[in-house]
Amino acid sequence: MTNASPRAAQSTMKISSQQLRLSATDVSNHLACHHLTKLGLSVARGNLVAPELRAPDLVMIQQLGLRFESQYLEFLRKGGLEVVHLGELKERDACCGRNPEGDADGISRIAQGALSCGRWFGGRTLLRRVDKPSARFGNWSYEAYDCKLARETKAAAILQLSFYSELLGEMHGGTVESMPDNMWIVHPGTVFKGENTGWLSMQLITAT
């Protein structure tokens, strides 16, 4: 994949049980450059080896992004919300919205949640519990949101959250009614509040 731009997000394509698995990153890459999709397929099939070298500034941005997410999760915990980080949890049952003790109210916030439906999957997702009934969880369901360093919401971020929301809708029950009402973006800051962007049902979290 040496012909791909070093700033392009690394393809997450993989073949599992003879099925090609795709993520939001792969969809975004395809919209940016169809050739990236061909290169990703070649890597997934074992015909090419993905390069190990990546732009140093991109690595730094990723590290800053992870630090920002950790700060936001700590902000939520200090606010009294239950936050479960699946990357730090041995018991993976929380992935289906219930904590290891079987809390019938569901976990308030889930970090690093994994979503999948058929060949599509999403990882490193932030989920927030809302009081909207669903076939799977009963009296509640989840909405997707993400922490972004950029001050302005980019098209790729909307695509990613739309992708995660679609997967959540399938997880909730697979009907139009089971789709999340909102999706959220968190920008850098120390105090966070919700702001309606006026774009469909999307919500934007900004910092003051």
N, C-alpha and C. Protein backbone atom coordinates (compact mmCIF):
# COMPACT_ATOMS: atom_id res chain seq x y z
N MET A 1 0.82 -1.21 0.00
CA MET A 1 0.00 0.00 0.00
C MET A 1 0.86 1.26 0.00
N THR A 2 2.02 1.17 -0.60
CA THR A 2 2.93 2.30 -0.58
C THR A 2 2.42 3.47 -1.40
N ASN A 3 1.44 3.24 -2.29
CA ASN A 3 0.93 4.32 -3.11
C ASN A 3 -0.11 5.16 -2.37
N ALA A 4 -0.57 4.69 -1.23
CA ALA A 4 -1.58 5.43 -0.48
C ALA A 4 -0.95 6.58 0.27
N SER A 5 -1.73 7.61 0.48
CA SER A 5 -1.25 8.76 1.23
C SER A 5 -0.96 8.38 2.66
N PRO A 6 0.16 8.83 3.27
CA PRO A 6 0.46 8.50 4.65
C PRO A 6 -0.57 9.07 5.62
N ARG A 7 -1.38 10.06 5.17
CA ARG A 7 -2.39 10.65 6.03
C ARG A 7 -3.72 9.89 5.96
N ALA A 8 -3.85 8.97 4.99
CA ALA A 8 -5.09 8.20 4.89
C ALA A 8 -5.23 7.28 6.09
N ALA A 9 -6.45 7.13 6.57
CA ALA A 9 -6.69 6.23 7.70
C ALA A 9 -6.39 4.81 7.27
N GLN A 10 -5.72 4.06 8.14
CA GLN A 10 -5.34 2.70 7.83
C GLN A 10 -6.59 1.85 7.61
N SER A 11 -6.61 1.11 6.51
CA SER A 11 -7.76 0.26 6.21
C SER A 11 -7.95 -0.79 7.31
N THR A 12 -9.21 -1.05 7.65
CA THR A 12 -9.52 -2.06 8.66
C THR A 12 -10.15 -3.30 8.03
N MET A 13 -10.11 -3.37 6.71
CA MET A 13 -10.69 -4.54 6.03
C MET A 13 -10.02 -5.82 6.52
N LYS A 14 -10.84 -6.84 6.70
CA LYS A 14 -10.29 -8.15 7.03
C LYS A 14 -11.27 -9.22 6.57
N ILE A 15 -10.76 -10.39 6.35
CA ILE A 15 -11.59 -11.51 5.93
C ILE A 15 -11.70 -12.47 7.10
N SER A 16 -12.92 -12.70 7.55
CA SER A 16 -13.19 -13.59 8.68
C SER A 16 -14.26 -14.60 8.27
N SER A 17 -13.94 -15.88 8.42
CA SER A 17 -14.88 -16.96 8.02
C SER A 17 -15.31 -16.77 6.57
N GLN A 18 -14.33 -16.42 5.72
CA GLN A 18 -14.53 -16.23 4.29
C GLN A 18 -15.46 -15.07 3.97
N GLN A 19 -15.66 -14.16 4.92
CA GLN A 19 -16.49 -12.98 4.69
C GLN A 19 -15.66 -11.73 4.88
N LEU A 20 -15.77 -10.79 3.93
CA LEU A 20 -15.05 -9.52 4.02
C LEU A 20 -15.73 -8.63 5.06
N ARG A 21 -14.98 -8.16 6.05
CA ARG A 21 -15.51 -7.29 7.09
C ARG A 21 -15.08 -5.85 6.80
N LEU A 22 -16.00 -4.91 6.94
CA LEU A 22 -15.75 -3.52 6.60
C LEU A 22 -16.19 -2.61 7.74
N SER A 23 -15.51 -1.46 7.86
CA SER A 23 -15.83 -0.50 8.92
C SER A 23 -16.10 0.87 8.31
N ALA A 24 -16.44 1.83 9.19
CA ALA A 24 -16.67 3.20 8.74
C ALA A 24 -15.43 3.78 8.09
N THR A 25 -14.25 3.41 8.59
CA THR A 25 -13.00 3.90 8.02
C THR A 25 -12.88 3.47 6.56
N ASP A 26 -13.27 2.24 6.26
CA ASP A 26 -13.18 1.75 4.88
C ASP A 26 -14.15 2.48 3.97
N VAL A 27 -15.34 2.81 4.48
CA VAL A 27 -16.30 3.57 3.68
C VAL A 27 -15.76 4.97 3.40
N SER A 28 -15.20 5.62 4.44
CA SER A 28 -14.63 6.95 4.27
C SER A 28 -13.46 6.94 3.30
N ASN A 29 -12.59 5.95 3.42
CA ASN A 29 -11.46 5.82 2.50
C ASN A 29 -11.92 5.65 1.06
N HIS A 30 -12.99 4.87 0.88
CA HIS A 30 -13.49 4.60 -0.47
C HIS A 30 -14.04 5.88 -1.10
N LEU A 31 -14.73 6.69 -0.31
CA LEU A 31 -15.26 7.95 -0.83
C LEU A 31 -14.14 8.91 -1.18
N ALA A 32 -13.04 8.84 -0.43
CA ALA A 32 -11.90 9.73 -0.69
C ALA A 32 -11.08 9.27 -1.89
N CYS A 33 -10.92 7.95 -2.03
CA CYS A 33 -10.07 7.40 -3.09
C CYS A 33 -10.42 5.93 -3.31
N HIS A 34 -10.99 5.62 -4.48
CA HIS A 34 -11.38 4.24 -4.76
C HIS A 34 -10.17 3.30 -4.80
N HIS A 35 -9.03 3.87 -5.15
CA HIS A 35 -7.82 3.04 -5.22
C HIS A 35 -7.43 2.51 -3.84
N LEU A 36 -7.74 3.29 -2.79
CA LEU A 36 -7.46 2.82 -1.43
C LEU A 36 -8.23 1.55 -1.13
N THR A 37 -9.45 1.45 -1.66
CA THR A 37 -10.25 0.24 -1.45
C THR A 37 -9.59 -0.97 -2.11
N LYS A 38 -9.06 -0.77 -3.31
CA LYS A 38 -8.37 -1.87 -4.00
C LYS A 38 -7.13 -2.31 -3.22
N LEU A 39 -6.38 -1.33 -2.69
CA LEU A 39 -5.19 -1.67 -1.91
C LEU A 39 -5.58 -2.38 -0.61
N GLY A 40 -6.65 -1.91 0.04
CA GLY A 40 -7.10 -2.55 1.26
C GLY A 40 -7.54 -3.99 1.03
N LEU A 41 -8.23 -4.22 -0.08
CA LEU A 41 -8.64 -5.58 -0.42
C LEU A 41 -7.43 -6.48 -0.65
N SER A 42 -6.41 -5.94 -1.30
CA SER A 42 -5.20 -6.73 -1.56
C SER A 42 -4.50 -7.11 -0.26
N VAL A 43 -4.50 -6.19 0.72
CA VAL A 43 -3.90 -6.49 2.02
C VAL A 43 -4.73 -7.53 2.75
N ALA A 44 -6.06 -7.37 2.73
CA ALA A 44 -6.94 -8.32 3.42
C ALA A 44 -6.81 -9.73 2.85
N ARG A 45 -6.56 -9.82 1.55
CA ARG A 45 -6.43 -11.11 0.89
C ARG A 45 -5.01 -11.67 0.98
N GLY A 46 -4.09 -10.90 1.54
CA GLY A 46 -2.73 -11.37 1.70
C GLY A 46 -1.84 -11.16 0.50
N ASN A 47 -2.31 -10.40 -0.47
CA ASN A 47 -1.51 -10.15 -1.67
C ASN A 47 -0.53 -9.00 -1.51
N LEU A 48 -0.79 -8.11 -0.54
CA LEU A 48 0.10 -6.99 -0.23
C LEU A 48 0.28 -6.90 1.28
N VAL A 49 1.36 -6.25 1.68
CA VAL A 49 1.61 -6.02 3.11
C VAL A 49 1.47 -4.53 3.37
N ALA A 50 0.67 -4.18 4.36
CA ALA A 50 0.46 -2.77 4.68
C ALA A 50 1.75 -2.16 5.21
N PRO A 51 2.05 -0.93 4.84
CA PRO A 51 3.29 -0.27 5.31
C PRO A 51 3.22 0.01 6.80
N GLU A 52 4.37 -0.07 7.46
CA GLU A 52 4.43 0.20 8.89
C GLU A 52 4.69 1.67 9.18
N LEU A 53 5.27 2.39 8.22
CA LEU A 53 5.59 3.79 8.42
C LEU A 53 4.34 4.64 8.31
N ARG A 54 4.17 5.57 9.25
CA ARG A 54 3.05 6.50 9.23
C ARG A 54 3.57 7.90 9.55
N ALA A 55 2.86 8.90 9.09
CA ALA A 55 3.29 10.28 9.31
C ALA A 55 3.38 10.56 10.81
N PRO A 56 4.54 11.08 11.28
CA PRO A 56 4.71 11.35 12.71
C PRO A 56 3.64 12.29 13.27
N ASP A 57 3.23 13.30 12.48
CA ASP A 57 2.23 14.22 12.98
C ASP A 57 0.87 13.54 13.14
N LEU A 58 0.58 12.55 12.28
CA LEU A 58 -0.67 11.81 12.39
C LEU A 58 -0.68 10.97 13.67
N VAL A 59 0.47 10.36 13.98
CA VAL A 59 0.57 9.57 15.21
C VAL A 59 0.36 10.47 16.43
N MET A 60 0.94 11.67 16.39
CA MET A 60 0.79 12.61 17.50
C MET A 60 -0.68 13.01 17.67
N ILE A 61 -1.37 13.26 16.55
CA ILE A 61 -2.78 13.63 16.61
C ILE A 61 -3.61 12.50 17.22
N GLN A 62 -3.29 11.26 16.85
CA GLN A 62 -4.01 10.12 17.40
C GLN A 62 -3.79 10.02 18.91
N GLN A 63 -2.56 10.26 19.34
CA GLN A 63 -2.27 10.22 20.78
C GLN A 63 -3.01 11.32 21.53
N LEU A 64 -3.06 12.52 20.93
CA LEU A 64 -3.80 13.61 21.55
C LEU A 64 -5.29 13.29 21.60
N GLY A 65 -5.79 12.62 20.56
CA GLY A 65 -7.19 12.24 20.54
C GLY A 65 -7.54 11.27 21.65
N LEU A 66 -6.66 10.28 21.88
CA LEU A 66 -6.89 9.32 22.95
C LEU A 66 -6.84 10.00 24.32
N ARG A 67 -5.91 10.97 24.47
CA ARG A 67 -5.81 11.70 25.73
C ARG A 67 -7.07 12.52 25.98
N PHE A 68 -7.57 13.15 24.91
CA PHE A 68 -8.78 13.95 25.02
C PHE A 68 -9.97 13.07 25.42
N GLU A 69 -10.09 11.90 24.82
CA GLU A 69 -11.17 10.99 25.16
C GLU A 69 -11.10 10.58 26.62
N SER A 70 -9.89 10.29 27.11
CA SER A 70 -9.72 9.91 28.51
C SER A 70 -10.15 11.05 29.44
N GLN A 71 -9.80 12.28 29.07
CA GLN A 71 -10.18 13.44 29.88
C GLN A 71 -11.70 13.59 29.90
N TYR A 72 -12.34 13.36 28.77
CA TYR A 72 -13.80 13.49 28.71
C TYR A 72 -14.49 12.41 29.55
N LEU A 73 -13.98 11.18 29.49
CA LEU A 73 -14.56 10.10 30.30
C LEU A 73 -14.40 10.40 31.78
N GLU A 74 -13.26 10.98 32.16
CA GLU A 74 -13.06 11.35 33.56
C GLU A 74 -14.03 12.46 33.95
N PHE A 75 -14.28 13.39 33.04
CA PHE A 75 -15.26 14.45 33.27
C PHE A 75 -16.64 13.84 33.55
N LEU A 76 -17.02 12.81 32.80
CA LEU A 76 -18.31 12.16 33.01
C LEU A 76 -18.37 11.46 34.36
N ARG A 77 -17.27 10.79 34.72
CA ARG A 77 -17.23 10.08 36.00
C ARG A 77 -17.37 11.06 37.16
N LYS A 78 -16.69 12.19 37.07
CA LYS A 78 -16.77 13.19 38.13
C LYS A 78 -18.18 13.78 38.22
N GLY A 79 -18.92 13.69 37.13
CA GLY A 79 -20.29 14.17 37.12
C GLY A 79 -21.27 13.16 37.66
N GLY A 80 -20.76 12.00 38.10
CA GLY A 80 -21.61 10.99 38.72
C GLY A 80 -22.16 9.94 37.78
N LEU A 81 -21.73 9.94 36.52
CA LEU A 81 -22.21 8.95 35.56
C LEU A 81 -21.38 7.68 35.63
N GLU A 82 -22.05 6.56 35.42
CA GLU A 82 -21.34 5.27 35.35
C GLU A 82 -20.72 5.14 33.96
N VAL A 83 -19.41 4.98 33.93
CA VAL A 83 -18.69 4.85 32.66
C VAL A 83 -17.91 3.55 32.69
N VAL A 84 -18.12 2.72 31.69
CA VAL A 84 -17.38 1.46 31.57
C VAL A 84 -16.53 1.52 30.31
N HIS A 85 -15.23 1.32 30.48
CA HIS A 85 -14.29 1.30 29.36
C HIS A 85 -14.01 -0.16 29.03
N LEU A 86 -14.55 -0.63 27.91
CA LEU A 86 -14.43 -2.05 27.58
C LEU A 86 -12.99 -2.46 27.31
N GLY A 87 -12.14 -1.48 26.94
CA GLY A 87 -10.74 -1.80 26.74
C GLY A 87 -10.04 -2.14 28.04
N GLU A 88 -10.64 -1.75 29.18
CA GLU A 88 -10.05 -2.02 30.48
C GLU A 88 -10.83 -3.09 31.25
N LEU A 89 -11.87 -3.67 30.62
CA LEU A 89 -12.78 -4.58 31.30
C LEU A 89 -12.58 -6.00 30.80
N LYS A 90 -12.38 -6.91 31.73
CA LYS A 90 -12.23 -8.31 31.35
C LYS A 90 -13.57 -8.94 31.01
N GLU A 91 -14.61 -8.54 31.72
CA GLU A 91 -15.94 -9.08 31.49
C GLU A 91 -16.58 -8.34 30.31
N ARG A 92 -16.73 -9.01 29.19
CA ARG A 92 -17.21 -8.36 27.98
C ARG A 92 -18.73 -8.29 27.89
N ASP A 93 -19.45 -8.76 28.90
CA ASP A 93 -20.91 -8.70 28.86
C ASP A 93 -21.41 -7.28 28.79
N ALA A 94 -20.59 -6.32 29.24
CA ALA A 94 -21.01 -4.92 29.21
C ALA A 94 -21.21 -4.44 27.78
N CYS A 95 -20.67 -5.18 26.82
CA CYS A 95 -20.80 -4.79 25.43
C CYS A 95 -22.26 -4.81 24.98
N CYS A 96 -23.09 -5.59 25.66
CA CYS A 96 -24.50 -5.65 25.29
C CYS A 96 -25.33 -4.74 26.16
N GLY A 97 -24.70 -3.81 26.87
CA GLY A 97 -25.43 -2.80 27.59
C GLY A 97 -25.72 -3.11 29.03
N ARG A 98 -25.27 -4.24 29.55
CA ARG A 98 -25.48 -4.59 30.94
C ARG A 98 -24.13 -4.78 31.61
N ASN A 99 -24.02 -4.28 32.82
CA ASN A 99 -22.75 -4.43 33.50
C ASN A 99 -22.61 -5.84 34.05
N PRO A 100 -21.42 -6.24 34.54
CA PRO A 100 -21.21 -7.60 35.02
C PRO A 100 -22.19 -8.03 36.12
N GLU A 101 -22.74 -7.07 36.86
CA GLU A 101 -23.68 -7.41 37.92
C GLU A 101 -25.12 -7.52 37.41
N GLY A 102 -25.31 -7.32 36.10
CA GLY A 102 -26.63 -7.46 35.52
C GLY A 102 -27.55 -6.29 35.81
N ASP A 103 -27.03 -5.09 35.91
CA ASP A 103 -27.81 -3.90 36.19
C ASP A 103 -28.94 -3.75 35.17
N ALA A 104 -30.18 -3.80 35.62
CA ALA A 104 -31.32 -3.76 34.72
C ALA A 104 -31.51 -2.40 34.08
N ASP A 105 -30.84 -1.37 34.59
CA ASP A 105 -30.97 -0.03 34.03
C ASP A 105 -29.97 0.25 32.92
N GLY A 106 -29.03 -0.66 32.71
CA GLY A 106 -28.05 -0.46 31.66
C GLY A 106 -26.96 0.52 32.07
N ILE A 107 -25.81 0.41 31.44
CA ILE A 107 -24.68 1.28 31.73
C ILE A 107 -24.91 2.64 31.08
N SER A 108 -24.60 3.71 31.81
CA SER A 108 -24.87 5.06 31.32
C SER A 108 -24.00 5.41 30.13
N ARG A 109 -22.69 5.12 30.21
CA ARG A 109 -21.77 5.41 29.12
C ARG A 109 -20.84 4.22 28.91
N ILE A 110 -20.63 3.86 27.66
CA ILE A 110 -19.74 2.75 27.31
C ILE A 110 -18.67 3.29 26.36
N ALA A 111 -17.42 3.09 26.73
CA ALA A 111 -16.30 3.48 25.88
C ALA A 111 -15.71 2.25 25.22
N GLN A 112 -15.26 2.41 23.99
CA GLN A 112 -14.67 1.30 23.23
C GLN A 112 -15.70 0.21 22.94
N GLY A 113 -16.97 0.61 22.79
CA GLY A 113 -18.01 -0.36 22.47
C GLY A 113 -17.84 -0.92 21.08
N ALA A 114 -18.12 -2.19 20.89
CA ALA A 114 -17.99 -2.86 19.60
C ALA A 114 -19.37 -3.11 19.02
N LEU A 115 -19.57 -2.72 17.76
CA LEU A 115 -20.84 -2.92 17.07
C LEU A 115 -20.60 -3.72 15.81
N SER A 116 -21.55 -4.55 15.43
CA SER A 116 -21.40 -5.31 14.19
C SER A 116 -22.76 -5.74 13.66
N CYS A 117 -22.83 -5.89 12.36
CA CYS A 117 -24.02 -6.40 11.69
C CYS A 117 -23.59 -6.96 10.35
N GLY A 118 -23.61 -8.28 10.23
CA GLY A 118 -23.17 -8.90 8.98
C GLY A 118 -21.70 -8.60 8.72
N ARG A 119 -21.41 -8.07 7.54
CA ARG A 119 -20.02 -7.76 7.18
C ARG A 119 -19.54 -6.43 7.75
N TRP A 120 -20.45 -5.64 8.33
CA TRP A 120 -20.11 -4.31 8.83
C TRP A 120 -19.79 -4.33 10.31
N PHE A 121 -18.76 -3.60 10.72
CA PHE A 121 -18.42 -3.54 12.13
C PHE A 121 -17.87 -2.16 12.48
N GLY A 122 -18.01 -1.80 13.73
CA GLY A 122 -17.49 -0.54 14.22
C GLY A 122 -16.82 -0.76 15.56
N GLY A 123 -15.66 -0.21 15.73
CA GLY A 123 -14.95 -0.37 17.00
C GLY A 123 -14.61 0.99 17.59
N ARG A 124 -14.13 1.00 18.84
CA ARG A 124 -13.72 2.23 19.52
C ARG A 124 -14.87 3.23 19.57
N THR A 125 -16.09 2.72 19.74
CA THR A 125 -17.27 3.59 19.74
C THR A 125 -17.64 4.02 21.15
N LEU A 126 -18.05 5.28 21.31
CA LEU A 126 -18.61 5.76 22.57
C LEU A 126 -20.13 5.67 22.48
N LEU A 127 -20.74 5.11 23.51
CA LEU A 127 -22.20 4.94 23.53
C LEU A 127 -22.78 5.60 24.76
N ARG A 128 -23.93 6.25 24.60
CA ARG A 128 -24.63 6.88 25.71
C ARG A 128 -26.03 6.29 25.80
N ARG A 129 -26.44 5.93 27.02
CA ARG A 129 -27.78 5.37 27.23
C ARG A 129 -28.81 6.48 27.22
N VAL A 130 -29.94 6.22 26.56
CA VAL A 130 -31.06 7.17 26.52
C VAL A 130 -32.34 6.43 26.87
N ASP A 131 -33.33 7.19 27.34
CA ASP A 131 -34.60 6.60 27.76
C ASP A 131 -35.54 6.41 26.57
N LYS A 132 -35.07 5.65 25.59
CA LYS A 132 -35.89 5.30 24.44
C LYS A 132 -35.98 3.78 24.38
N PRO A 133 -37.18 3.21 24.48
CA PRO A 133 -37.32 1.74 24.49
C PRO A 133 -36.76 1.09 23.23
N SER A 134 -36.26 -0.13 23.41
CA SER A 134 -35.78 -0.91 22.27
C SER A 134 -36.12 -2.37 22.50
N ALA A 135 -36.20 -3.13 21.41
CA ALA A 135 -36.55 -4.55 21.52
C ALA A 135 -35.49 -5.33 22.28
N ARG A 136 -34.24 -4.91 22.17
CA ARG A 136 -33.17 -5.67 22.82
C ARG A 136 -33.00 -5.34 24.28
N PHE A 137 -33.06 -4.06 24.64
CA PHE A 137 -32.73 -3.66 26.00
C PHE A 137 -33.94 -3.33 26.86
N GLY A 138 -35.12 -3.22 26.26
CA GLY A 138 -36.30 -2.90 27.05
C GLY A 138 -36.57 -1.41 27.12
N ASN A 139 -36.39 -0.82 28.30
CA ASN A 139 -36.76 0.59 28.51
C ASN A 139 -35.72 1.60 28.04
N TRP A 140 -34.61 1.13 27.50
CA TRP A 140 -33.58 2.08 27.07
C TRP A 140 -32.93 1.61 25.77
N SER A 141 -32.13 2.49 25.22
CA SER A 141 -31.34 2.18 24.03
C SER A 141 -30.09 3.04 24.08
N TYR A 142 -29.31 3.04 23.02
CA TYR A 142 -28.04 3.78 23.02
C TYR A 142 -27.93 4.69 21.79
N GLU A 143 -27.16 5.75 21.97
CA GLU A 143 -26.80 6.65 20.87
C GLU A 143 -25.28 6.70 20.78
N ALA A 144 -24.77 6.89 19.57
CA ALA A 144 -23.32 6.93 19.35
C ALA A 144 -22.80 8.36 19.42
N TYR A 145 -21.61 8.51 19.97
CA TYR A 145 -20.94 9.80 19.93
C TYR A 145 -19.44 9.58 19.94
N ASP A 146 -18.72 10.64 19.61
CA ASP A 146 -17.27 10.50 19.47
C ASP A 146 -16.59 11.79 19.89
N CYS A 147 -15.36 11.67 20.33
CA CYS A 147 -14.55 12.82 20.71
C CYS A 147 -13.67 13.22 19.53
N LYS A 148 -13.75 14.48 19.12
CA LYS A 148 -12.98 14.98 17.99
C LYS A 148 -12.20 16.22 18.40
N LEU A 149 -10.93 16.27 18.01
CA LEU A 149 -10.09 17.42 18.32
C LEU A 149 -10.45 18.64 17.48
N ALA A 150 -10.96 18.41 16.27
CA ALA A 150 -11.29 19.52 15.38
C ALA A 150 -12.41 20.38 15.97
N ARG A 151 -12.28 21.68 15.83
CA ARG A 151 -13.30 22.60 16.34
C ARG A 151 -14.55 22.60 15.48
N GLU A 152 -14.41 22.24 14.20
CA GLU A 152 -15.54 22.19 13.30
C GLU A 152 -15.81 20.74 12.91
N THR A 153 -17.09 20.40 12.82
CA THR A 153 -17.47 19.04 12.47
C THR A 153 -17.22 18.79 10.99
N LYS A 154 -16.49 17.73 10.69
CA LYS A 154 -16.14 17.40 9.32
C LYS A 154 -17.08 16.32 8.77
N ALA A 155 -17.14 16.24 7.45
CA ALA A 155 -18.03 15.28 6.80
C ALA A 155 -17.70 13.84 7.20
N ALA A 156 -16.40 13.56 7.35
CA ALA A 156 -15.99 12.20 7.72
C ALA A 156 -16.53 11.81 9.09
N ALA A 157 -16.59 12.79 10.01
CA ALA A 157 -17.11 12.51 11.35
C ALA A 157 -18.60 12.20 11.29
N ILE A 158 -19.35 12.95 10.46
CA ILE A 158 -20.78 12.69 10.30
C ILE A 158 -21.01 11.32 9.68
N LEU A 159 -20.19 10.97 8.69
CA LEU A 159 -20.29 9.65 8.06
C LEU A 159 -20.04 8.55 9.08
N GLN A 160 -19.01 8.71 9.90
CA GLN A 160 -18.67 7.72 10.91
C GLN A 160 -19.82 7.52 11.90
N LEU A 161 -20.36 8.62 12.41
CA LEU A 161 -21.44 8.51 13.39
C LEU A 161 -22.72 7.98 12.76
N SER A 162 -22.98 8.32 11.51
CA SER A 162 -24.14 7.76 10.81
C SER A 162 -23.99 6.25 10.66
N PHE A 163 -22.78 5.83 10.37
CA PHE A 163 -22.47 4.40 10.24
C PHE A 163 -22.74 3.69 11.57
N TYR A 164 -22.23 4.26 12.68
CA TYR A 164 -22.43 3.66 13.99
C TYR A 164 -23.91 3.66 14.38
N SER A 165 -24.62 4.73 14.03
CA SER A 165 -26.04 4.82 14.35
C SER A 165 -26.83 3.74 13.62
N GLU A 166 -26.44 3.48 12.38
CA GLU A 166 -27.10 2.41 11.61
C GLU A 166 -26.89 1.06 12.28
N LEU A 167 -25.67 0.80 12.74
CA LEU A 167 -25.38 -0.45 13.44
C LEU A 167 -26.16 -0.54 14.75
N LEU A 168 -26.26 0.59 15.46
CA LEU A 168 -27.03 0.60 16.70
C LEU A 168 -28.50 0.30 16.43
N GLY A 169 -29.04 0.85 15.34
CA GLY A 169 -30.43 0.58 14.99
C GLY A 169 -30.67 -0.89 14.77
N GLU A 170 -29.73 -1.56 14.11
CA GLU A 170 -29.85 -3.01 13.90
C GLU A 170 -29.77 -3.75 15.24
N MET A 171 -28.89 -3.30 16.12
CA MET A 171 -28.74 -3.93 17.43
C MET A 171 -29.99 -3.74 18.28
N HIS A 172 -30.62 -2.58 18.16
CA HIS A 172 -31.81 -2.28 18.96
C HIS A 172 -33.02 -3.10 18.53
N GLY A 173 -33.09 -3.44 17.24
CA GLY A 173 -34.26 -4.19 16.78
C GLY A 173 -34.41 -4.27 15.28
N GLY A 174 -33.63 -3.47 14.55
CA GLY A 174 -33.63 -3.59 13.10
C GLY A 174 -34.82 -2.95 12.41
N THR A 175 -35.51 -2.00 13.06
CA THR A 175 -36.63 -1.30 12.44
C THR A 175 -36.31 0.20 12.37
N VAL A 176 -37.14 0.91 11.61
CA VAL A 176 -36.95 2.36 11.51
C VAL A 176 -37.09 3.01 12.88
N GLU A 177 -38.06 2.51 13.66
CA GLU A 177 -38.30 3.07 14.99
C GLU A 177 -37.14 2.81 15.94
N SER A 178 -36.34 1.79 15.68
CA SER A 178 -35.23 1.45 16.58
C SER A 178 -33.98 2.28 16.32
N MET A 179 -33.99 3.10 15.27
CA MET A 179 -32.82 3.94 14.98
C MET A 179 -32.65 4.99 16.06
N PRO A 180 -31.41 5.31 16.44
CA PRO A 180 -31.17 6.38 17.42
C PRO A 180 -31.71 7.72 16.91
N ASP A 181 -32.22 8.53 17.83
CA ASP A 181 -32.75 9.84 17.46
C ASP A 181 -31.64 10.87 17.23
N ASN A 182 -30.51 10.67 17.90
CA ASN A 182 -29.43 11.65 17.83
C ASN A 182 -28.08 10.96 17.71
N MET A 183 -27.09 11.74 17.27
CA MET A 183 -25.70 11.32 17.35
C MET A 183 -24.92 12.53 17.82
N TRP A 184 -23.78 12.27 18.46
CA TRP A 184 -23.12 13.33 19.22
C TRP A 184 -21.64 13.43 18.88
N ILE A 185 -21.13 14.67 18.95
CA ILE A 185 -19.70 14.92 18.80
C ILE A 185 -19.25 15.77 19.98
N VAL A 186 -18.12 15.42 20.56
CA VAL A 186 -17.54 16.16 21.69
C VAL A 186 -16.28 16.86 21.21
N HIS A 187 -16.23 18.17 21.41
CA HIS A 187 -15.05 18.96 21.06
C HIS A 187 -14.25 19.29 22.32
N PRO A 188 -12.99 19.65 22.20
CA PRO A 188 -12.13 19.92 23.36
C PRO A 188 -12.67 21.01 24.27
N GLY A 189 -12.43 20.85 25.56
CA GLY A 189 -12.84 21.84 26.55
C GLY A 189 -12.87 21.20 27.93
N THR A 190 -13.27 21.95 28.91
CA THR A 190 -13.36 21.44 30.27
C THR A 190 -14.79 21.36 30.77
N VAL A 191 -15.69 22.12 30.15
CA VAL A 191 -17.10 22.08 30.49
C VAL A 191 -17.87 21.79 29.21
N PHE A 192 -18.75 20.79 29.23
CA PHE A 192 -19.42 20.35 28.02
C PHE A 192 -20.93 20.55 28.14
N LYS A 193 -21.54 20.95 27.05
CA LYS A 193 -22.99 21.08 27.02
C LYS A 193 -23.50 20.69 25.64
N GLY A 194 -24.78 20.28 25.56
CA GLY A 194 -25.35 19.89 24.29
C GLY A 194 -25.86 21.09 23.50
N GLU A 195 -25.62 21.08 22.20
CA GLU A 195 -26.10 22.15 21.33
C GLU A 195 -26.70 21.53 20.08
N ASN A 196 -27.93 21.93 19.77
CA ASN A 196 -28.60 21.41 18.58
C ASN A 196 -28.07 22.14 17.35
N THR A 197 -27.54 21.37 16.39
CA THR A 197 -26.96 21.98 15.18
C THR A 197 -28.03 22.34 14.17
N GLY A 198 -29.23 21.77 14.31
CA GLY A 198 -30.28 22.01 13.33
C GLY A 198 -30.15 21.11 12.11
N TRP A 199 -29.17 20.23 12.09
CA TRP A 199 -28.99 19.30 10.96
C TRP A 199 -29.69 18.00 11.28
N LEU A 200 -30.83 17.77 10.66
CA LEU A 200 -31.65 16.58 10.92
C LEU A 200 -31.81 16.43 12.44
N SER A 201 -31.44 15.26 12.96
CA SER A 201 -31.58 15.05 14.40
C SER A 201 -30.24 15.07 15.10
N MET A 202 -29.20 15.51 14.38
CA MET A 202 -27.87 15.45 14.94
C MET A 202 -27.69 16.47 16.07
N GLN A 203 -26.99 16.06 17.09
CA GLN A 203 -26.64 16.94 18.20
C GLN A 203 -25.13 17.13 18.20
N LEU A 204 -24.69 18.33 18.53
CA LEU A 204 -23.27 18.64 18.61
C LEU A 204 -22.93 19.08 20.03
N ILE A 205 -21.98 18.42 20.67
CA ILE A 205 -21.56 18.82 21.98
C ILE A 205 -20.38 19.77 21.84
N THR A 206 -20.50 20.96 22.38
CA THR A 206 -19.40 21.93 22.30
C THR A 206 -18.89 22.24 23.68
N ALA A 207 -17.72 22.79 23.73
CA ALA A 207 -17.10 23.12 25.02
C ALA A 207 -17.10 24.62 25.21
N THR A 208 -17.24 25.04 26.46
CA THR A 208 -17.16 26.45 26.77
C THR A 208 -15.99 26.71 27.68
